[in-house]
Amino acid sequence: VGTACGFRVKLNRAWLYFTPGVPFEFKQMVQEQFLPFVQQ
């Protein structure tokens, strides 16, 4: 729903998961992509 893609990078022990700041873009990405990622 926007022009800024997200991305994830592994650094040290952590996955850093980058998301846009626009609220409706951020919320959709969290619900549809971030949650399934951490659950899996």
PDB file of all heavy atoms in Angstrom:
ATOM      1  N   VAL A   1       0.808  -1.226   0.000  1.00  0.00           N
ATOM      2  CA  VAL A   1       0.000   0.000   0.000  1.00  0.00           C
ATOM      3  C   VAL A   1       0.841   1.276   0.000  1.00  0.00           C
ATOM      4  O   VAL A   1       0.325   2.357   0.257  1.00  0.00           O
ATOM      5  CB  VAL A   1      -0.957   0.014   1.223  1.00  0.00           C
ATOM      6  CG1 VAL A   1      -2.050  -1.028   1.067  1.00  0.00           C
ATOM      7  CG2 VAL A   1      -0.198  -0.204   2.527  1.00  0.00           C
ATOM      8  N   GLY A   2       2.137   1.177  -0.300  1.00  0.00           N
ATOM      9  CA  GLY A   2       2.974   2.369  -0.298  1.00  0.00           C
ATOM     10  C   GLY A   2       4.215   2.190  -1.136  1.00  0.00           C
ATOM     11  O   GLY A   2       4.444   1.127  -1.731  1.00  0.00           O
ATOM     12  N   THR A   3       5.034   3.241  -1.168  1.00  0.00           N
ATOM     13  CA  THR A   3       6.224   3.212  -2.022  1.00  0.00           C
ATOM     14  C   THR A   3       7.499   2.837  -1.270  1.00  0.00           C
ATOM     15  O   THR A   3       8.560   2.709  -1.896  1.00  0.00           O
ATOM     16  CB  THR A   3       6.440   4.601  -2.676  1.00  0.00           C
ATOM     17  OG1 THR A   3       6.649   5.582  -1.656  1.00  0.00           O
ATOM     18  CG2 THR A   3       5.233   4.976  -3.517  1.00  0.00           C
ATOM     19  N   ALA A   4       7.428   2.692   0.048  1.00  0.00           N
ATOM     20  CA  ALA A   4       8.610   2.318   0.826  1.00  0.00           C
ATOM     21  C   ALA A   4       8.521   0.848   1.207  1.00  0.00           C
ATOM     22  O   ALA A   4       7.669   0.454   1.998  1.00  0.00           O
ATOM     23  CB  ALA A   4       8.720   3.185   2.083  1.00  0.00           C
ATOM     24  N   CYS A   5       9.402   0.035   0.639  1.00  0.00           N
ATOM     25  CA  CYS A   5       9.398  -1.372   1.032  1.00  0.00           C
ATOM     26  C   CYS A   5      10.031  -1.505   2.413  1.00  0.00           C
ATOM     27  O   CYS A   5      10.770  -0.640   2.872  1.00  0.00           O
ATOM     28  CB  CYS A   5      10.169  -2.229   0.029  1.00  0.00           C
ATOM     29  SG  CYS A   5      11.963  -1.946   0.012  1.00  0.00           S
ATOM     30  N   GLY A   6       9.731  -2.592   3.069  1.00  0.00           N
ATOM     31  CA  GLY A   6      10.425  -2.933   4.296  1.00  0.00           C
ATOM     32  C   GLY A   6      11.567  -3.879   3.973  1.00  0.00           C
ATOM     33  O   GLY A   6      11.741  -4.316   2.834  1.00  0.00           O
ATOM     34  N   PHE A   7      12.360  -4.186   4.996  1.00  0.00           N
ATOM     35  CA  PHE A   7      13.407  -5.193   4.814  1.00  0.00           C
ATOM     36  C   PHE A   7      13.840  -5.691   6.182  1.00  0.00           C
ATOM     37  O   PHE A   7      13.571  -5.064   7.211  1.00  0.00           O
ATOM     38  CB  PHE A   7      14.603  -4.622   4.030  1.00  0.00           C
ATOM     39  CG  PHE A   7      15.336  -3.498   4.713  1.00  0.00           C
ATOM     40  CD1 PHE A   7      16.423  -3.742   5.548  1.00  0.00           C
ATOM     41  CD2 PHE A   7      14.946  -2.180   4.508  1.00  0.00           C
ATOM     42  CE1 PHE A   7      17.100  -2.712   6.167  1.00  0.00           C
ATOM     43  CE2 PHE A   7      15.616  -1.130   5.130  1.00  0.00           C
ATOM     44  CZ  PHE A   7      16.696  -1.396   5.965  1.00  0.00           C
ATOM     45  N   ARG A   8      14.498  -6.843   6.173  1.00  0.00           N
ATOM     46  CA  ARG A   8      15.051  -7.359   7.421  1.00  0.00           C
ATOM     47  C   ARG A   8      16.499  -7.764   7.215  1.00  0.00           C
ATOM     48  O   ARG A   8      16.892  -8.215   6.131  1.00  0.00           O
ATOM     49  CB  ARG A   8      14.232  -8.522   7.970  1.00  0.00           C
ATOM     50  CG  ARG A   8      14.058  -9.704   7.045  1.00  0.00           C
ATOM     51  CD  ARG A   8      13.160 -10.755   7.709  1.00  0.00           C
ATOM     52  NE  ARG A   8      12.702 -11.760   6.776  1.00  0.00           N
ATOM     53  CZ  ARG A   8      13.326 -12.903   6.515  1.00  0.00           C
ATOM     54  NH1 ARG A   8      14.468 -13.162   7.136  1.00  0.00           N
ATOM     55  NH2 ARG A   8      12.833 -13.768   5.656  1.00  0.00           N
ATOM     56  N   VAL A   9      17.289  -7.576   8.279  1.00  0.00           N
ATOM     57  CA  VAL A   9      18.727  -7.835   8.244  1.00  0.00           C
ATOM     58  C   VAL A   9      19.111  -8.511   9.558  1.00  0.00           C
ATOM     59  O   VAL A   9      18.628  -8.136  10.626  1.00  0.00           O
ATOM     60  CB  VAL A   9      19.520  -6.522   8.078  1.00  0.00           C
ATOM     61  CG1 VAL A   9      21.016  -6.772   8.204  1.00  0.00           C
ATOM     62  CG2 VAL A   9      19.204  -5.862   6.752  1.00  0.00           C
ATOM     63  N   LYS A  10      20.010  -9.499   9.490  1.00  0.00           N
ATOM     64  CA  LYS A  10      20.513 -10.135  10.698  1.00  0.00           C
ATOM     65  C   LYS A  10      21.816  -9.451  11.117  1.00  0.00           C
ATOM     66  O   LYS A  10      22.755  -9.340  10.321  1.00  0.00           O
ATOM     67  CB  LYS A  10      20.760 -11.627  10.443  1.00  0.00           C
ATOM     68  CG  LYS A  10      21.047 -12.428  11.720  1.00  0.00           C
ATOM     69  CD  LYS A  10      19.803 -12.533  12.595  1.00  0.00           C
ATOM     70  CE  LYS A  10      20.046 -13.360  13.850  1.00  0.00           C
ATOM     71  NZ  LYS A  10      20.138 -14.808  13.556  1.00  0.00           N
ATOM     72  N   LEU A  11      21.836  -8.954  12.355  1.00  0.00           N
ATOM     73  CA  LEU A  11      23.036  -8.338  12.901  1.00  0.00           C
ATOM     74  C   LEU A  11      23.254  -8.875  14.309  1.00  0.00           C
ATOM     75  O   LEU A  11      22.330  -8.805  15.141  1.00  0.00           O
ATOM     76  CB  LEU A  11      22.900  -6.811  12.932  1.00  0.00           C
ATOM     77  CG  LEU A  11      24.074  -6.032  13.558  1.00  0.00           C
ATOM     78  CD1 LEU A  11      25.360  -6.252  12.758  1.00  0.00           C
ATOM     79  CD2 LEU A  11      23.738  -4.549  13.653  1.00  0.00           C
ATOM     80  N   ASN A  12      24.435  -9.408  14.568  1.00  0.00           N
ATOM     81  CA  ASN A  12      24.727 -10.035  15.856  1.00  0.00           C
ATOM     82  C   ASN A  12      23.663 -11.099  16.142  1.00  0.00           C
ATOM     83  O   ASN A  12      23.438 -11.973  15.323  1.00  0.00           O
ATOM     84  CB  ASN A  12      24.839  -8.982  16.955  1.00  0.00           C
ATOM     85  CG  ASN A  12      26.003  -8.027  16.699  1.00  0.00           C
ATOM     86  OD1 ASN A  12      27.083  -8.463  16.309  1.00  0.00           O
ATOM     87  ND2 ASN A  12      25.784  -6.738  16.892  1.00  0.00           N
ATOM     88  N   ARG A  13      22.947 -11.040  17.276  1.00  0.00           N
ATOM     89  CA  ARG A  13      21.966 -12.084  17.587  1.00  0.00           C
ATOM     90  C   ARG A  13      20.566 -11.732  17.078  1.00  0.00           C
ATOM     91  O   ARG A  13      19.654 -12.562  17.161  1.00  0.00           O
ATOM     92  CB  ARG A  13      21.901 -12.326  19.099  1.00  0.00           C
ATOM     93  CG  ARG A  13      21.413 -11.145  19.916  1.00  0.00           C
ATOM     94  CD  ARG A  13      21.248 -11.477  21.386  1.00  0.00           C
ATOM     95  NE  ARG A  13      19.973 -12.117  21.675  1.00  0.00           N
ATOM     96  CZ  ARG A  13      19.563 -12.448  22.888  1.00  0.00           C
ATOM     97  NH1 ARG A  13      20.347 -12.205  23.933  1.00  0.00           N
ATOM     98  NH2 ARG A  13      18.397 -13.017  23.083  1.00  0.00           N
ATOM     99  N   ALA A  14      20.375 -10.520  16.552  1.00  0.00           N
ATOM    100  CA  ALA A  14      19.013 -10.037  16.284  1.00  0.00           C
ATOM    101  C   ALA A  14      18.695  -9.939  14.802  1.00  0.00           C
ATOM    102  O   ALA A  14      19.554  -9.635  13.976  1.00  0.00           O
ATOM    103  CB  ALA A  14      18.811  -8.671  16.933  1.00  0.00           C
ATOM    104  N   TRP A  15      17.422 -10.177  14.513  1.00  0.00           N
ATOM    105  CA  TRP A  15      16.845  -9.764  13.247  1.00  0.00           C
ATOM    106  C   TRP A  15      16.319  -8.339  13.438  1.00  0.00           C
ATOM    107  O   TRP A  15      15.505  -8.087  14.327  1.00  0.00           O
ATOM    108  CB  TRP A  15      15.686 -10.658  12.838  1.00  0.00           C
ATOM    109  CG  TRP A  15      16.072 -11.916  12.133  1.00  0.00           C
ATOM    110  CD1 TRP A  15      16.041 -13.188  12.623  1.00  0.00           C
ATOM    111  CD2 TRP A  15      16.519 -12.022  10.781  1.00  0.00           C
ATOM    112  NE1 TRP A  15      16.455 -14.090  11.674  1.00  0.00           N
ATOM    113  CE2 TRP A  15      16.755 -13.406  10.519  1.00  0.00           C
ATOM    114  CE3 TRP A  15      16.758 -11.109   9.757  1.00  0.00           C
ATOM    115  CZ2 TRP A  15      17.203 -13.872   9.287  1.00  0.00           C
ATOM    116  CZ3 TRP A  15      17.206 -11.580   8.528  1.00  0.00           C
ATOM    117  CH2 TRP A  15      17.423 -12.937   8.303  1.00  0.00           C
ATOM    118  N   LEU A  16      16.782  -7.401  12.616  1.00  0.00           N
ATOM    119  CA  LEU A  16      16.223  -6.056  12.601  1.00  0.00           C
ATOM    120  C   LEU A  16      15.238  -5.968  11.449  1.00  0.00           C
ATOM    121  O   LEU A  16      15.605  -6.216  10.290  1.00  0.00           O
ATOM    122  CB  LEU A  16      17.317  -5.003  12.466  1.00  0.00           C
ATOM    123  CG  LEU A  16      18.156  -4.785  13.736  1.00  0.00           C
ATOM    124  CD1 LEU A  16      19.374  -5.691  13.731  1.00  0.00           C
ATOM    125  CD2 LEU A  16      18.563  -3.329  13.880  1.00  0.00           C
ATOM    126  N   TYR A  17      14.009  -5.642  11.771  1.00  0.00           N
ATOM    127  CA  TYR A  17      12.901  -5.694  10.810  1.00  0.00           C
ATOM    128  C   TYR A  17      12.426  -4.261  10.594  1.00  0.00           C
ATOM    129  O   TYR A  17      11.852  -3.637  11.475  1.00  0.00           O
ATOM    130  CB  TYR A  17      11.793  -6.558  11.397  1.00  0.00           C
ATOM    131  CG  TYR A  17      10.798  -7.113  10.412  1.00  0.00           C
ATOM    132  CD1 TYR A  17      10.848  -8.458  10.042  1.00  0.00           C
ATOM    133  CD2 TYR A  17       9.794  -6.330   9.868  1.00  0.00           C
ATOM    134  CE1 TYR A  17       9.922  -8.996   9.150  1.00  0.00           C
ATOM    135  CE2 TYR A  17       8.868  -6.855   8.978  1.00  0.00           C
ATOM    136  CZ  TYR A  17       8.941  -8.188   8.621  1.00  0.00           C
ATOM    137  OH  TYR A  17       8.014  -8.723   7.738  1.00  0.00           O
ATOM    138  N   PHE A  18      12.687  -3.714   9.394  1.00  0.00           N
ATOM    139  CA  PHE A  18      12.435  -2.303   9.110  1.00  0.00           C
ATOM    140  C   PHE A  18      11.069  -2.105   8.458  1.00  0.00           C
ATOM    141  O   PHE A  18      10.719  -2.789   7.486  1.00  0.00           O
ATOM    142  CB  PHE A  18      13.537  -1.750   8.205  1.00  0.00           C
ATOM    143  CG  PHE A  18      14.862  -1.614   8.903  1.00  0.00           C
ATOM    144  CD1 PHE A  18      15.656  -2.740   9.145  1.00  0.00           C
ATOM    145  CD2 PHE A  18      15.312  -0.375   9.330  1.00  0.00           C
ATOM    146  CE1 PHE A  18      16.879  -2.616   9.795  1.00  0.00           C
ATOM    147  CE2 PHE A  18      16.532  -0.252   9.981  1.00  0.00           C
ATOM    148  CZ  PHE A  18      17.312  -1.364  10.222  1.00  0.00           C
ATOM    149  N   THR A  19      10.320  -1.132   8.974  1.00  0.00           N
ATOM    150  CA  THR A  19       8.964  -0.859   8.489  1.00  0.00           C
ATOM    151  C   THR A  19       8.785   0.636   8.259  1.00  0.00           C
ATOM    152  O   THR A  19       9.418   1.456   8.927  1.00  0.00           O
ATOM    153  CB  THR A  19       7.907  -1.320   9.514  1.00  0.00           C
ATOM    154  OG1 THR A  19       8.152  -0.653  10.765  1.00  0.00           O
ATOM    155  CG2 THR A  19       7.960  -2.822   9.715  1.00  0.00           C
ATOM    156  N   PRO A  20       7.903   1.027   7.335  1.00  0.00           N
ATOM    157  CA  PRO A  20       7.650   2.454   7.099  1.00  0.00           C
ATOM    158  C   PRO A  20       6.894   3.084   8.261  1.00  0.00           C
ATOM    159  O   PRO A  20       6.231   2.396   9.036  1.00  0.00           O
ATOM    160  CB  PRO A  20       6.803   2.452   5.820  1.00  0.00           C
ATOM    161  CG  PRO A  20       6.171   1.103   5.783  1.00  0.00           C
ATOM    162  CD  PRO A  20       7.143   0.161   6.415  1.00  0.00           C
ATOM    163  N   GLY A  21       6.997   4.409   8.355  1.00  0.00           N
ATOM    164  CA  GLY A  21       6.358   5.108   9.459  1.00  0.00           C
ATOM    165  C   GLY A  21       4.914   5.480   9.219  1.00  0.00           C
ATOM    166  O   GLY A  21       4.196   5.798  10.173  1.00  0.00           O
ATOM    167  N   VAL A  22       4.453   5.470   7.965  1.00  0.00           N
ATOM    168  CA  VAL A  22       3.053   5.811   7.678  1.00  0.00           C
ATOM    169  C   VAL A  22       2.157   4.786   8.366  1.00  0.00           C
ATOM    170  O   VAL A  22       2.282   3.578   8.109  1.00  0.00           O
ATOM    171  CB  VAL A  22       2.792   5.817   6.164  1.00  0.00           C
ATOM    172  CG1 VAL A  22       1.335   6.152   5.868  1.00  0.00           C
ATOM    173  CG2 VAL A  22       3.724   6.805   5.466  1.00  0.00           C
ATOM    174  N   PRO A  23       1.257   5.224   9.255  1.00  0.00           N
ATOM    175  CA  PRO A  23       0.543   4.267  10.114  1.00  0.00           C
ATOM    176  C   PRO A  23      -0.182   3.144   9.379  1.00  0.00           C
ATOM    177  O   PRO A  23      -0.056   1.979   9.761  1.00  0.00           O
ATOM    178  CB  PRO A  23      -0.432   5.164  10.888  1.00  0.00           C
ATOM    179  CG  PRO A  23       0.287   6.468  10.992  1.00  0.00           C
ATOM    180  CD  PRO A  23       0.999   6.621   9.682  1.00  0.00           C
ATOM    181  N   PHE A  24      -0.933   3.456   8.324  1.00  0.00           N
ATOM    182  CA  PHE A  24      -1.692   2.367   7.701  1.00  0.00           C
ATOM    183  C   PHE A  24      -0.786   1.411   6.944  1.00  0.00           C
ATOM    184  O   PHE A  24      -1.078   0.211   6.825  1.00  0.00           O
ATOM    185  CB  PHE A  24      -2.817   2.915   6.806  1.00  0.00           C
ATOM    186  CG  PHE A  24      -2.374   3.457   5.469  1.00  0.00           C
ATOM    187  CD1 PHE A  24      -2.344   2.633   4.360  1.00  0.00           C
ATOM    188  CD2 PHE A  24      -2.029   4.784   5.329  1.00  0.00           C
ATOM    189  CE1 PHE A  24      -1.963   3.131   3.122  1.00  0.00           C
ATOM    190  CE2 PHE A  24      -1.641   5.297   4.094  1.00  0.00           C
ATOM    191  CZ  PHE A  24      -1.604   4.469   2.989  1.00  0.00           C
ATOM    192  N   GLU A  25       0.363   1.886   6.449  1.00  0.00           N
ATOM    193  CA  GLU A  25       1.336   0.986   5.828  1.00  0.00           C
ATOM    194  C   GLU A  25       1.999   0.118   6.895  1.00  0.00           C
ATOM    195  O   GLU A  25       2.162  -1.092   6.726  1.00  0.00           O
ATOM    196  CB  GLU A  25       2.401   1.797   5.076  1.00  0.00           C
ATOM    197  CG  GLU A  25       1.858   2.633   3.928  1.00  0.00           C
ATOM    198  CD  GLU A  25       2.952   3.429   3.238  1.00  0.00           C
ATOM    199  OE1 GLU A  25       4.137   3.027   3.314  1.00  0.00           O
ATOM    200  OE2 GLU A  25       2.634   4.470   2.619  1.00  0.00           O
ATOM    201  N   PHE A  26       2.393   0.752   7.973  1.00  0.00           N
ATOM    202  CA  PHE A  26       3.048   0.055   9.084  1.00  0.00           C
ATOM    203  C   PHE A  26       2.151  -1.040   9.656  1.00  0.00           C
ATOM    204  O   PHE A  26       2.592  -2.186   9.852  1.00  0.00           O
ATOM    205  CB  PHE A  26       3.407   1.086  10.154  1.00  0.00           C
ATOM    206  CG  PHE A  26       3.779   0.515  11.488  1.00  0.00           C
ATOM    207  CD1 PHE A  26       4.943  -0.227  11.644  1.00  0.00           C
ATOM    208  CD2 PHE A  26       2.975   0.719  12.601  1.00  0.00           C
ATOM    209  CE1 PHE A  26       5.299  -0.752  12.878  1.00  0.00           C
ATOM    210  CE2 PHE A  26       3.319   0.206  13.833  1.00  0.00           C
ATOM    211  CZ  PHE A  26       4.475  -0.537  13.977  1.00  0.00           C
ATOM    212  N   LYS A  27       0.896  -0.718   9.907  1.00  0.00           N
ATOM    213  CA  LYS A  27      -0.004  -1.686  10.541  1.00  0.00           C
ATOM    214  C   LYS A  27      -0.255  -2.884   9.640  1.00  0.00           C
ATOM    215  O   LYS A  27      -0.283  -4.032  10.106  1.00  0.00           O
ATOM    216  CB  LYS A  27      -1.324  -0.999  10.911  1.00  0.00           C
ATOM    217  CG  LYS A  27      -1.172   0.018  12.036  1.00  0.00           C
ATOM    218  CD  LYS A  27      -2.470   0.746  12.330  1.00  0.00           C
ATOM    219  CE  LYS A  27      -2.279   1.786  13.427  1.00  0.00           C
ATOM    220  NZ  LYS A  27      -3.523   2.535  13.716  1.00  0.00           N
ATOM    221  N   GLN A  28      -0.427  -2.636   8.360  1.00  0.00           N
ATOM    222  CA  GLN A  28      -0.664  -3.754   7.442  1.00  0.00           C
ATOM    223  C   GLN A  28       0.561  -4.663   7.369  1.00  0.00           C
ATOM    224  O   GLN A  28       0.433  -5.891   7.360  1.00  0.00           O
ATOM    225  CB  GLN A  28      -1.027  -3.231   6.053  1.00  0.00           C
ATOM    226  CG  GLN A  28      -1.412  -4.350   5.081  1.00  0.00           C
ATOM    227  CD  GLN A  28      -2.183  -3.833   3.878  1.00  0.00           C
ATOM    228  OE1 GLN A  28      -2.825  -2.799   3.933  1.00  0.00           O
ATOM    229  NE2 GLN A  28      -2.130  -4.582   2.789  1.00  0.00           N
ATOM    230  N   MET A  29       1.745  -4.063   7.350  1.00  0.00           N
ATOM    231  CA  MET A  29       2.961  -4.862   7.279  1.00  0.00           C
ATOM    232  C   MET A  29       3.149  -5.693   8.548  1.00  0.00           C
ATOM    233  O   MET A  29       3.559  -6.863   8.490  1.00  0.00           O
ATOM    234  CB  MET A  29       4.175  -3.961   7.054  1.00  0.00           C
ATOM    235  CG  MET A  29       5.455  -4.715   6.780  1.00  0.00           C
ATOM    236  SD  MET A  29       6.835  -3.624   6.339  1.00  0.00           S
ATOM    237  CE  MET A  29       6.323  -3.060   4.714  1.00  0.00           C
ATOM    238  N   VAL A  30       2.852  -5.112   9.700  1.00  0.00           N
ATOM    239  CA  VAL A  30       2.979  -5.850  10.953  1.00  0.00           C
ATOM    240  C   VAL A  30       2.025  -7.043  10.974  1.00  0.00           C
ATOM    241  O   VAL A  30       2.411  -8.172  11.317  1.00  0.00           O
ATOM    242  CB  VAL A  30       2.711  -4.918  12.160  1.00  0.00           C
ATOM    243  CG1 VAL A  30       2.524  -5.726  13.440  1.00  0.00           C
ATOM    244  CG2 VAL A  30       3.861  -3.943  12.333  1.00  0.00           C
ATOM    245  N   GLN A  31       0.782  -6.808  10.613  1.00  0.00           N
ATOM    246  CA  GLN A  31      -0.230  -7.858  10.703  1.00  0.00           C
ATOM    247  C   GLN A  31      -0.025  -8.955   9.662  1.00  0.00           C
ATOM    248  O   GLN A  31      -0.202 -10.145   9.964  1.00  0.00           O
ATOM    249  CB  GLN A  31      -1.626  -7.244  10.548  1.00  0.00           C
ATOM    250  CG  GLN A  31      -2.028  -6.377  11.738  1.00  0.00           C
ATOM    251  CD  GLN A  31      -3.293  -5.580  11.497  1.00  0.00           C
ATOM    252  OE1 GLN A  31      -3.613  -5.214  10.361  1.00  0.00           O
ATOM    253  NE2 GLN A  31      -4.031  -5.304  12.553  1.00  0.00           N
ATOM    254  N   GLU A  32       0.353  -8.563   8.456  1.00  0.00           N
ATOM    255  CA  GLU A  32       0.416  -9.538   7.368  1.00  0.00           C
ATOM    256  C   GLU A  32       1.786 -10.178   7.202  1.00  0.00           C
ATOM    257  O   GLU A  32       1.883 -11.285   6.644  1.00  0.00           O
ATOM    258  CB  GLU A  32      -0.004  -8.875   6.055  1.00  0.00           C
ATOM    259  CG  GLU A  32      -1.462  -8.414   6.050  1.00  0.00           C
ATOM    260  CD  GLU A  32      -1.870  -7.791   4.727  1.00  0.00           C
ATOM    261  OE1 GLU A  32      -1.009  -7.693   3.810  1.00  0.00           O
ATOM    262  OE2 GLU A  32      -3.047  -7.393   4.605  1.00  0.00           O
ATOM    263  N   GLN A  33       2.843  -9.499   7.676  1.00  0.00           N
ATOM    264  CA  GLN A  33       4.175 -10.024   7.412  1.00  0.00           C
ATOM    265  C   GLN A  33       5.034 -10.198   8.669  1.00  0.00           C
ATOM    266  O   GLN A  33       5.680 -11.226   8.831  1.00  0.00           O
ATOM    267  CB  GLN A  33       4.890  -9.123   6.390  1.00  0.00           C
ATOM    268  CG  GLN A  33       4.262  -9.236   5.002  1.00  0.00           C
ATOM    269  CD  GLN A  33       4.438  -7.953   4.202  1.00  0.00           C
ATOM    270  OE1 GLN A  33       3.899  -6.916   4.542  1.00  0.00           O
ATOM    271  NE2 GLN A  33       5.202  -8.047   3.145  1.00  0.00           N
ATOM    272  N   PHE A  34       5.040  -9.193   9.537  1.00  0.00           N
ATOM    273  CA  PHE A  34       5.901  -9.299  10.713  1.00  0.00           C
ATOM    274  C   PHE A  34       5.433 -10.402  11.665  1.00  0.00           C
ATOM    275  O   PHE A  34       6.236 -11.233  12.112  1.00  0.00           O
ATOM    276  CB  PHE A  34       5.965  -7.959  11.449  1.00  0.00           C
ATOM    277  CG  PHE A  34       6.811  -8.007  12.689  1.00  0.00           C
ATOM    278  CD1 PHE A  34       8.188  -8.017  12.609  1.00  0.00           C
ATOM    279  CD2 PHE A  34       6.223  -8.065  13.949  1.00  0.00           C
ATOM    280  CE1 PHE A  34       8.980  -8.080  13.751  1.00  0.00           C
ATOM    281  CE2 PHE A  34       7.001  -8.118  15.095  1.00  0.00           C
ATOM    282  CZ  PHE A  34       8.384  -8.128  15.001  1.00  0.00           C
ATOM    283  N   LEU A  35       4.160 -10.419  11.989  1.00  0.00           N
ATOM    284  CA  LEU A  35       3.651 -11.437  12.910  1.00  0.00           C
ATOM    285  C   LEU A  35       3.898 -12.854  12.405  1.00  0.00           C
ATOM    286  O   LEU A  35       4.414 -13.703  13.150  1.00  0.00           O
ATOM    287  CB  LEU A  35       2.165 -11.210  13.182  1.00  0.00           C
ATOM    288  CG  LEU A  35       1.823 -10.439  14.456  1.00  0.00           C
ATOM    289  CD1 LEU A  35       0.344 -10.099  14.492  1.00  0.00           C
ATOM    290  CD2 LEU A  35       2.219 -11.229  15.690  1.00  0.00           C
ATOM    291  N   PRO A  36       3.555 -13.165  11.151  1.00  0.00           N
ATOM    292  CA  PRO A  36       3.860 -14.517  10.654  1.00  0.00           C
ATOM    293  C   PRO A  36       5.356 -14.841  10.703  1.00  0.00           C
ATOM    294  O   PRO A  36       5.737 -15.980  10.976  1.00  0.00           O
ATOM    295  CB  PRO A  36       3.349 -14.489   9.206  1.00  0.00           C
ATOM    296  CG  PRO A  36       2.267 -13.459   9.215  1.00  0.00           C
ATOM    297  CD  PRO A  36       2.750 -12.411  10.173  1.00  0.00           C
ATOM    298  N   PHE A  37       6.199 -13.837  10.464  1.00  0.00           N
ATOM    299  CA  PHE A  37       7.639 -14.059  10.502  1.00  0.00           C
ATOM    300  C   PHE A  37       8.093 -14.482  11.891  1.00  0.00           C
ATOM    301  O   PHE A  37       8.801 -15.486  12.054  1.00  0.00           O
ATOM    302  CB  PHE A  37       8.382 -12.800  10.056  1.00  0.00           C
ATOM    303  CG  PHE A  37       9.850 -12.815  10.374  1.00  0.00           C
ATOM    304  CD1 PHE A  37      10.721 -13.620   9.652  1.00  0.00           C
ATOM    305  CD2 PHE A  37      10.365 -12.038  11.413  1.00  0.00           C
ATOM    306  CE1 PHE A  37      12.079 -13.655   9.950  1.00  0.00           C
ATOM    307  CE2 PHE A  37      11.716 -12.062  11.719  1.00  0.00           C
ATOM    308  CZ  PHE A  37      12.578 -12.873  10.982  1.00  0.00           C
ATOM    309  N   VAL A  38       7.721 -13.735  12.933  1.00  0.00           N
ATOM    310  CA  VAL A  38       8.206 -14.071  14.278  1.00  0.00           C
ATOM    311  C   VAL A  38       7.577 -15.361  14.784  1.00  0.00           C
ATOM    312  O   VAL A  38       8.217 -16.145  15.500  1.00  0.00           O
ATOM    313  CB  VAL A  38       7.952 -12.916  15.282  1.00  0.00           C
ATOM    314  CG1 VAL A  38       8.754 -11.693  14.899  1.00  0.00           C
ATOM    315  CG2 VAL A  38       6.478 -12.580  15.400  1.00  0.00           C
ATOM    316  N   GLN A  39       6.324 -15.610  14.403  1.00  0.00           N
ATOM    317  CA  GLN A  39       5.676 -16.849  14.843  1.00  0.00           C
ATOM    318  C   GLN A  39       6.356 -18.065  14.247  1.00  0.00           C
ATOM    319  O   GLN A  39       6.518 -19.099  14.912  1.00  0.00           O
ATOM    320  CB  GLN A  39       4.191 -16.814  14.486  1.00  0.00           C
ATOM    321  CG  GLN A  39       3.396 -15.843  15.354  1.00  0.00           C
ATOM    322  CD  GLN A  39       1.991 -15.579  14.825  1.00  0.00           C
ATOM    323  OE1 GLN A  39       1.705 -15.782  13.639  1.00  0.00           O
ATOM    324  NE2 GLN A  39       1.109 -15.135  15.687  1.00  0.00           N
ATOM    325  N   GLN A  40       6.783 -17.947  12.994  1.00  0.00           N
ATOM    326  CA  GLN A  40       7.461 -19.065  12.347  1.00  0.00           C
ATOM    327  C   GLN A  40       8.929 -19.162  12.767  1.00  0.00           C
ATOM    328  O   GLN A  40       9.425 -20.243  13.092  1.00  0.00           O
ATOM    329  CB  GLN A  40       7.382 -18.915  10.823  1.00  0.00           C
ATOM    330  CG  GLN A  40       8.073 -20.042  10.068  1.00  0.00           C
ATOM    331  CD  GLN A  40       7.912 -19.909   8.568  1.00  0.00           C
ATOM    332  OE1 GLN A  40       7.126 -19.109   8.079  1.00  0.00           O
ATOM    333  NE2 GLN A  40       8.669 -20.708   7.830  1.00  0.00           N
TER     334      GLN A  40
END
